[in-house]
Amino acid sequence: MGTGIDKVAGTAAFFTLNALFVYYSIWVLLIPFVDEGHVLHNYFPAWQHAIRVPVIIMIIWLTVILTFLGAIMVKSR
C-alpha cells in the first residue's frame, strides 16, 4: 500500500497531466477552426508551436534515455 504522500503526489500528477492533455487537445484540434480575432486565441501560443514543442521534448527525452542506456552498457562491460 502506498503512503499518504504517494497518493497525493499521484493524484496531483494525474490531474495535472489530464489538464495538460485537455489544453493541448483544444489547442491542436479546436483553435485552428476559430477565427483569428476571437478572444480564445489569447490563451494559446501560435499553432506552429503545437508541433515544435512536443518534438523538442521528445528529442530531449530520447537523448536522456539513450544516454542512460549507453552509460549502463559501458559500465557493465
PDB file of N, CA and C in Angstrom:
ATOM      1  N   MET A   1       0.830  -1.188   0.000  1.00  0.00           N
ATOM      2  CA  MET A   1       0.000   0.000   0.000  1.00  0.00           C
ATOM      3  C   MET A   1       0.874   1.251   0.000  1.00  0.00           C
ATOM      4  N   GLY A   2       0.434   2.229  -0.740  1.00  0.00           N
ATOM      5  CA  GLY A   2       1.161   3.482  -0.778  1.00  0.00           C
ATOM      6  C   GLY A   2       0.876   4.335   0.446  1.00  0.00           C
ATOM      7  N   THR A   3       1.804   5.195   0.730  1.00  0.00           N
ATOM      8  CA  THR A   3       1.617   6.103   1.855  1.00  0.00           C
ATOM      9  C   THR A   3       0.729   7.269   1.423  1.00  0.00           C
ATOM     10  N   GLY A   4       0.388   8.105   2.356  1.00  0.00           N
ATOM     11  CA  GLY A   4      -0.461   9.252   2.059  1.00  0.00           C
ATOM     12  C   GLY A   4       0.170  10.207   1.066  1.00  0.00           C
ATOM     13  N   ILE A   5       1.475  10.417   1.188  1.00  0.00           N
ATOM     14  CA  ILE A   5       2.167  11.351   0.288  1.00  0.00           C
ATOM     15  C   ILE A   5       2.218  10.792  -1.128  1.00  0.00           C
ATOM     16  N   ASP A   6       2.313   9.453  -1.256  1.00  0.00           N
ATOM     17  CA  ASP A   6       2.294   8.836  -2.582  1.00  0.00           C
ATOM     18  C   ASP A   6       0.949   9.057  -3.267  1.00  0.00           C
ATOM     19  N   LYS A   7      -0.113   8.925  -2.513  1.00  0.00           N
ATOM     20  CA  LYS A   7      -1.448   9.121  -3.076  1.00  0.00           C
ATOM     21  C   LYS A   7      -1.675  10.570  -3.483  1.00  0.00           C
ATOM     22  N   VAL A   8      -1.187  11.491  -2.679  1.00  0.00           N
ATOM     23  CA  VAL A   8      -1.325  12.914  -3.000  1.00  0.00           C
ATOM     24  C   VAL A   8      -0.517  13.246  -4.249  1.00  0.00           C
ATOM     25  N   ALA A   9       0.712  12.749  -4.316  1.00  0.00           N
ATOM     26  CA  ALA A   9       1.560  13.002  -5.481  1.00  0.00           C
ATOM     27  C   ALA A   9       0.956  12.384  -6.738  1.00  0.00           C
ATOM     28  N   GLY A  10       0.426  11.170  -6.621  1.00  0.00           N
ATOM     29  CA  GLY A  10      -0.203  10.515  -7.758  1.00  0.00           C
ATOM     30  C   GLY A  10      -1.442  11.244  -8.229  1.00  0.00           C
ATOM     31  N   THR A  11      -2.247  11.703  -7.298  1.00  0.00           N
ATOM     32  CA  THR A  11      -3.453  12.446  -7.648  1.00  0.00           C
ATOM     33  C   THR A  11      -3.097  13.772  -8.313  1.00  0.00           C
ATOM     34  N   ALA A  12      -2.102  14.459  -7.780  1.00  0.00           N
ATOM     35  CA  ALA A  12      -1.671  15.733  -8.368  1.00  0.00           C
ATOM     36  C   ALA A  12      -1.124  15.516  -9.779  1.00  0.00           C
ATOM     37  N   ALA A  13      -0.319  14.485  -9.956  1.00  0.00           N
ATOM     38  CA  ALA A  13       0.226  14.186 -11.281  1.00  0.00           C
ATOM     39  C   ALA A  13      -0.893  13.830 -12.259  1.00  0.00           C
ATOM     40  N   PHE A  14      -1.857  13.033 -11.801  1.00  0.00           N
ATOM     41  CA  PHE A  14      -2.978  12.631 -12.645  1.00  0.00           C
ATOM     42  C   PHE A  14      -3.765  13.841 -13.143  1.00  0.00           C
ATOM     43  N   PHE A  15      -4.149  14.723 -12.242  1.00  0.00           N
ATOM     44  CA  PHE A  15      -4.947  15.877 -12.640  1.00  0.00           C
ATOM     45  C   PHE A  15      -4.142  16.887 -13.453  1.00  0.00           C
ATOM     46  N   THR A  16      -2.867  17.042 -13.152  1.00  0.00           N
ATOM     47  CA  THR A  16      -2.015  17.945 -13.927  1.00  0.00           C
ATOM     48  C   THR A  16      -1.873  17.454 -15.359  1.00  0.00           C
ATOM     49  N   LEU A  17      -1.598  16.169 -15.530  1.00  0.00           N
ATOM     50  CA  LEU A  17      -1.434  15.629 -16.873  1.00  0.00           C
ATOM     51  C   LEU A  17      -2.750  15.630 -17.647  1.00  0.00           C
ATOM     52  N   ASN A  18      -3.855  15.395 -16.963  1.00  0.00           N
ATOM     53  CA  ASN A  18      -5.148  15.478 -17.646  1.00  0.00           C
ATOM     54  C   ASN A  18      -5.447  16.897 -18.096  1.00  0.00           C
ATOM     55  N   ALA A  19      -5.131  17.881 -17.262  1.00  0.00           N
ATOM     56  CA  ALA A  19      -5.342  19.279 -17.642  1.00  0.00           C
ATOM     57  C   ALA A  19      -4.468  19.650 -18.843  1.00  0.00           C
ATOM     58  N   LEU A  20      -3.208  19.200 -18.843  1.00  0.00           N
ATOM     59  CA  LEU A  20      -2.318  19.471 -19.977  1.00  0.00           C
ATOM     60  C   LEU A  20      -2.820  18.790 -21.249  1.00  0.00           C
ATOM     61  N   PHE A  21      -3.341  17.579 -21.119  1.00  0.00           N
ATOM     62  CA  PHE A  21      -3.890  16.875 -22.275  1.00  0.00           C
ATOM     63  C   PHE A  21      -5.086  17.612 -22.866  1.00  0.00           C
ATOM     64  N   VAL A  22      -5.980  18.063 -22.020  1.00  0.00           N
ATOM     65  CA  VAL A  22      -7.155  18.801 -22.493  1.00  0.00           C
ATOM     66  C   VAL A  22      -6.731  20.120 -23.144  1.00  0.00           C
ATOM     67  N   TYR A  23      -5.804  20.831 -22.522  1.00  0.00           N
ATOM     68  CA  TYR A  23      -5.310  22.097 -23.070  1.00  0.00           C
ATOM     69  C   TYR A  23      -4.691  21.876 -24.447  1.00  0.00           C
ATOM     70  N   TYR A  24      -3.812  20.869 -24.563  1.00  0.00           N
ATOM     71  CA  TYR A  24      -3.141  20.593 -25.836  1.00  0.00           C
ATOM     72  C   TYR A  24      -4.150  20.142 -26.890  1.00  0.00           C
ATOM     73  N   SER A  25      -5.115  19.322 -26.496  1.00  0.00           N
ATOM     74  CA  SER A  25      -6.123  18.852 -27.449  1.00  0.00           C
ATOM     75  C   SER A  25      -6.956  20.009 -27.991  1.00  0.00           C
ATOM     76  N   ILE A  26      -7.350  20.920 -27.119  1.00  0.00           N
ATOM     77  CA  ILE A  26      -8.092  22.098 -27.572  1.00  0.00           C
ATOM     78  C   ILE A  26      -7.228  22.946 -28.488  1.00  0.00           C
ATOM     79  N   TRP A  27      -5.972  23.115 -28.137  1.00  0.00           N
ATOM     80  CA  TRP A  27      -5.032  23.920 -28.912  1.00  0.00           C
ATOM     81  C   TRP A  27      -4.866  23.358 -30.321  1.00  0.00           C
ATOM     82  N   VAL A  28      -4.727  22.043 -30.422  1.00  0.00           N
ATOM     83  CA  VAL A  28      -4.446  21.426 -31.710  1.00  0.00           C
ATOM     84  C   VAL A  28      -5.714  21.165 -32.522  1.00  0.00           C
ATOM     85  N   LEU A  29      -6.779  20.751 -31.868  1.00  0.00           N
ATOM     86  CA  LEU A  29      -7.975  20.315 -32.594  1.00  0.00           C
ATOM     87  C   LEU A  29      -9.034  21.404 -32.774  1.00  0.00           C
ATOM     88  N   LEU A  30      -9.096  22.360 -31.877  1.00  0.00           N
ATOM     89  CA  LEU A  30     -10.171  23.344 -31.924  1.00  0.00           C
ATOM     90  C   LEU A  30      -9.724  24.717 -32.415  1.00  0.00           C
ATOM     91  N   ILE A  31      -8.595  25.182 -31.939  1.00  0.00           N
ATOM     92  CA  ILE A  31      -8.138  26.538 -32.236  1.00  0.00           C
ATOM     93  C   ILE A  31      -7.930  26.808 -33.729  1.00  0.00           C
ATOM     94  N   PRO A  32      -7.452  25.847 -34.530  1.00  0.00           N
ATOM     95  CA  PRO A  32      -7.305  26.160 -35.961  1.00  0.00           C
ATOM     96  C   PRO A  32      -8.625  26.529 -36.655  1.00  0.00           C
ATOM     97  N   PHE A  33      -9.765  26.134 -36.086  1.00  0.00           N
ATOM     98  CA  PHE A  33     -11.052  26.413 -36.701  1.00  0.00           C
ATOM     99  C   PHE A  33     -11.743  27.651 -36.125  1.00  0.00           C
ATOM    100  N   VAL A  34     -11.101  28.309 -35.157  1.00  0.00           N
ATOM    101  CA  VAL A  34     -11.663  29.512 -34.546  1.00  0.00           C
ATOM    102  C   VAL A  34     -11.104  30.730 -35.288  1.00  0.00           C
ATOM    103  N   ASP A  35     -11.935  31.743 -35.500  1.00  0.00           N
ATOM    104  CA  ASP A  35     -11.499  32.958 -36.201  1.00  0.00           C
ATOM    105  C   ASP A  35     -10.307  33.593 -35.490  1.00  0.00           C
ATOM    106  N   GLU A  36      -9.423  34.223 -36.282  1.00  0.00           N
ATOM    107  CA  GLU A  36      -8.191  34.823 -35.758  1.00  0.00           C
ATOM    108  C   GLU A  36      -8.446  35.890 -34.704  1.00  0.00           C
ATOM    109  N   GLY A  37      -9.476  36.658 -34.828  1.00  0.00           N
ATOM    110  CA  GLY A  37      -9.728  37.750 -33.898  1.00  0.00           C
ATOM    111  C   GLY A  37     -10.430  37.336 -32.615  1.00  0.00           C
ATOM    112  N   HIS A  38     -10.777  36.090 -32.490  1.00  0.00           N
ATOM    113  CA  HIS A  38     -11.519  35.613 -31.319  1.00  0.00           C
ATOM    114  C   HIS A  38     -10.653  35.690 -30.062  1.00  0.00           C
ATOM    115  N   VAL A  39     -11.279  35.969 -28.921  1.00  0.00           N
ATOM    116  CA  VAL A  39     -10.566  36.130 -27.650  1.00  0.00           C
ATOM    117  C   VAL A  39      -9.907  34.814 -27.209  1.00  0.00           C
ATOM    118  N   LEU A  40     -10.384  33.696 -27.692  1.00  0.00           N
ATOM    119  CA  LEU A  40      -9.826  32.395 -27.322  1.00  0.00           C
ATOM    120  C   LEU A  40      -8.371  32.248 -27.753  1.00  0.00           C
ATOM    121  N   HIS A  41      -7.985  32.954 -28.801  1.00  0.00           N
ATOM    122  CA  HIS A  41      -6.602  32.895 -29.287  1.00  0.00           C
ATOM    123  C   HIS A  41      -5.623  33.520 -28.299  1.00  0.00           C
ATOM    124  N   ASN A  42      -6.089  34.330 -27.372  1.00  0.00           N
ATOM    125  CA  ASN A  42      -5.205  34.951 -26.385  1.00  0.00           C
ATOM    126  C   ASN A  42      -4.658  33.939 -25.383  1.00  0.00           C
ATOM    127  N   TYR A  43      -5.311  32.797 -25.245  1.00  0.00           N
ATOM    128  CA  TYR A  43      -4.923  31.807 -24.244  1.00  0.00           C
ATOM    129  C   TYR A  43      -4.018  30.703 -24.787  1.00  0.00           C
ATOM    130  N   PHE A  44      -3.702  30.749 -26.076  1.00  0.00           N
ATOM    131  CA  PHE A  44      -2.901  29.710 -26.696  1.00  0.00           C
ATOM    132  C   PHE A  44      -1.770  30.329 -27.498  1.00  0.00           C
ATOM    133  N   PRO A  45      -0.592  29.681 -27.513  1.00  0.00           N
ATOM    134  CA  PRO A  45       0.505  30.157 -28.358  1.00  0.00           C
ATOM    135  C   PRO A  45       0.186  29.935 -29.842  1.00  0.00           C
ATOM    136  N   ALA A  46       1.093  30.360 -30.689  1.00  0.00           N
ATOM    137  CA  ALA A  46       0.906  30.178 -32.131  1.00  0.00           C
ATOM    138  C   ALA A  46       0.813  28.682 -32.450  1.00  0.00           C
ATOM    139  N   TRP A  47       0.071  28.343 -33.479  1.00  0.00           N
ATOM    140  CA  TRP A  47      -0.159  26.928 -33.801  1.00  0.00           C
ATOM    141  C   TRP A  47       1.114  26.208 -34.226  1.00  0.00           C
ATOM    142  N   GLN A  48       2.122  26.947 -34.704  1.00  0.00           N
ATOM    143  CA  GLN A  48       3.383  26.319 -35.110  1.00  0.00           C
ATOM    144  C   GLN A  48       4.062  25.635 -33.924  1.00  0.00           C
ATOM    145  N   HIS A  49       3.853  26.183 -32.752  1.00  0.00           N
ATOM    146  CA  HIS A  49       4.465  25.607 -31.559  1.00  0.00           C
ATOM    147  C   HIS A  49       3.800  24.298 -31.143  1.00  0.00           C
ATOM    148  N   ALA A  50       2.618  24.018 -31.646  1.00  0.00           N
ATOM    149  CA  ALA A  50       1.922  22.770 -31.301  1.00  0.00           C
ATOM    150  C   ALA A  50       2.693  21.558 -31.789  1.00  0.00           C
ATOM    151  N   ILE A  51       3.509  21.724 -32.802  1.00  0.00           N
ATOM    152  CA  ILE A  51       4.340  20.629 -33.302  1.00  0.00           C
ATOM    153  C   ILE A  51       5.762  20.746 -32.764  1.00  0.00           C
ATOM    154  N   ARG A  52       6.297  21.951 -32.743  1.00  0.00           N
ATOM    155  CA  ARG A  52       7.697  22.135 -32.333  1.00  0.00           C
ATOM    156  C   ARG A  52       7.952  21.734 -30.885  1.00  0.00           C
ATOM    157  N   VAL A  53       7.100  22.144 -29.985  1.00  0.00           N
ATOM    158  CA  VAL A  53       7.329  21.868 -28.555  1.00  0.00           C
ATOM    159  C   VAL A  53       7.341  20.364 -28.263  1.00  0.00           C
ATOM    160  N   PRO A  54       6.342  19.577 -28.711  1.00  0.00           N
ATOM    161  CA  PRO A  54       6.404  18.137 -28.448  1.00  0.00           C
ATOM    162  C   PRO A  54       7.599  17.451 -29.117  1.00  0.00           C
ATOM    163  N   VAL A  55       7.995  17.906 -30.309  1.00  0.00           N
ATOM    164  CA  VAL A  55       9.150  17.307 -30.980  1.00  0.00           C
ATOM    165  C   VAL A  55      10.421  17.590 -30.191  1.00  0.00           C
ATOM    166  N   ILE A  56      10.578  18.794 -29.698  1.00  0.00           N
ATOM    167  CA  ILE A  56      11.761  19.133 -28.903  1.00  0.00           C
ATOM    168  C   ILE A  56      11.781  18.332 -27.605  1.00  0.00           C
ATOM    169  N   ILE A  57      10.624  18.209 -26.954  1.00  0.00           N
ATOM    170  CA  ILE A  57      10.547  17.414 -25.725  1.00  0.00           C
ATOM    171  C   ILE A  57      10.894  15.958 -26.015  1.00  0.00           C
ATOM    172  N   MET A  58      10.393  15.419 -27.131  1.00  0.00           N
ATOM    173  CA  MET A  58      10.680  14.034 -27.483  1.00  0.00           C
ATOM    174  C   MET A  58      12.167  13.825 -27.767  1.00  0.00           C
ATOM    175  N   ILE A  59      12.802  14.763 -28.458  1.00  0.00           N
ATOM    176  CA  ILE A  59      14.228  14.656 -28.746  1.00  0.00           C
ATOM    177  C   ILE A  59      15.035  14.677 -27.452  1.00  0.00           C
ATOM    178  N   ILE A  60      14.697  15.573 -26.541  1.00  0.00           N
ATOM    179  CA  ILE A  60      15.401  15.641 -25.256  1.00  0.00           C
ATOM    180  C   ILE A  60      15.191  14.360 -24.468  1.00  0.00           C
ATOM    181  N   TRP A  61      13.957  13.849 -24.439  1.00  0.00           N
ATOM    182  CA  TRP A  61      13.637  12.622 -23.708  1.00  0.00           C
ATOM    183  C   TRP A  61      14.419  11.436 -24.281  1.00  0.00           C
ATOM    184  N   LEU A  62      14.433  11.297 -25.608  1.00  0.00           N
ATOM    185  CA  LEU A  62      15.176  10.203 -26.230  1.00  0.00           C
ATOM    186  C   LEU A  62      16.673  10.329 -25.977  1.00  0.00           C
ATOM    187  N   THR A  63      17.200  11.536 -25.996  1.00  0.00           N
ATOM    188  CA  THR A  63      18.618  11.738 -25.714  1.00  0.00           C
ATOM    189  C   THR A  63      18.960  11.294 -24.299  1.00  0.00           C
ATOM    190  N   VAL A  64      18.140  11.669 -23.332  1.00  0.00           N
ATOM    191  CA  VAL A  64      18.389  11.278 -21.943  1.00  0.00           C
ATOM    192  C   VAL A  64      18.306   9.761 -21.785  1.00  0.00           C
ATOM    193  N   ILE A  65      17.275   9.134 -22.343  1.00  0.00           N
ATOM    194  CA  ILE A  65      17.096   7.687 -22.218  1.00  0.00           C
ATOM    195  C   ILE A  65      18.231   6.935 -22.892  1.00  0.00           C
ATOM    196  N   LEU A  66      18.592   7.319 -24.110  1.00  0.00           N
ATOM    197  CA  LEU A  66      19.659   6.619 -24.818  1.00  0.00           C
ATOM    198  C   LEU A  66      21.023   6.847 -24.173  1.00  0.00           C
ATOM    199  N   THR A  67      21.254   8.027 -23.621  1.00  0.00           N
ATOM    200  CA  THR A  67      22.499   8.281 -22.894  1.00  0.00           C
ATOM    201  C   THR A  67      22.563   7.408 -21.649  1.00  0.00           C
ATOM    202  N   PHE A  68      21.468   7.296 -20.943  1.00  0.00           N
ATOM    203  CA  PHE A  68      21.404   6.442 -19.755  1.00  0.00           C
ATOM    204  C   PHE A  68      21.667   4.978 -20.123  1.00  0.00           C
ATOM    205  N   LEU A  69      21.010   4.505 -21.187  1.00  0.00           N
ATOM    206  CA  LEU A  69      21.224   3.117 -21.609  1.00  0.00           C
ATOM    207  C   LEU A  69      22.662   2.895 -22.062  1.00  0.00           C
ATOM    208  N   GLY A  70      23.230   3.856 -22.778  1.00  0.00           N
ATOM    209  CA  GLY A  70      24.628   3.747 -23.198  1.00  0.00           C
ATOM    210  C   GLY A  70      25.580   3.701 -22.008  1.00  0.00           C
ATOM    211  N   ALA A  71      25.320   4.526 -20.998  1.00  0.00           N
ATOM    212  CA  ALA A  71      26.175   4.514 -19.810  1.00  0.00           C
ATOM    213  C   ALA A  71      26.082   3.187 -19.083  1.00  0.00           C
ATOM    214  N   ILE A  72      24.884   2.608 -19.016  1.00  0.00           N
ATOM    215  CA  ILE A  72      24.721   1.309 -18.371  1.00  0.00           C
ATOM    216  C   ILE A  72      25.450   0.225 -19.160  1.00  0.00           C
ATOM    217  N   MET A  73      25.374   0.272 -20.488  1.00  0.00           N
ATOM    218  CA  MET A  73      26.056  -0.728 -21.316  1.00  0.00           C
ATOM    219  C   MET A  73      27.566  -0.626 -21.174  1.00  0.00           C
ATOM    220  N   VAL A  74      28.101   0.580 -21.144  1.00  0.00           N
ATOM    221  CA  VAL A  74      29.541   0.769 -20.985  1.00  0.00           C
ATOM    222  C   VAL A  74      29.983   0.319 -19.592  1.00  0.00           C
ATOM    223  N   LYS A  75      29.193   0.632 -18.605  1.00  0.00           N
ATOM    224  CA  LYS A  75      29.526   0.283 -17.218  1.00  0.00           C
ATOM    225  C   LYS A  75      29.503  -1.235 -16.998  1.00  0.00           C
ATOM    226  N   SER A  76      28.626  -1.950 -17.693  1.00  0.00           N
ATOM    227  CA  SER A  76      28.505  -3.374 -17.491  1.00  0.00           C
ATOM    228  C   SER A  76      29.601  -4.176 -18.175  1.00  0.00           C
ATOM    229  N   ARG A  77      30.376  -3.552 -19.004  1.00  0.00           N
ATOM    230  CA  ARG A  77      31.494  -4.241 -19.694  1.00  0.00           C
ATOM    231  C   ARG A  77      32.525  -4.643 -18.762  1.00  0.00           C
TER     232      ARG A  77
END
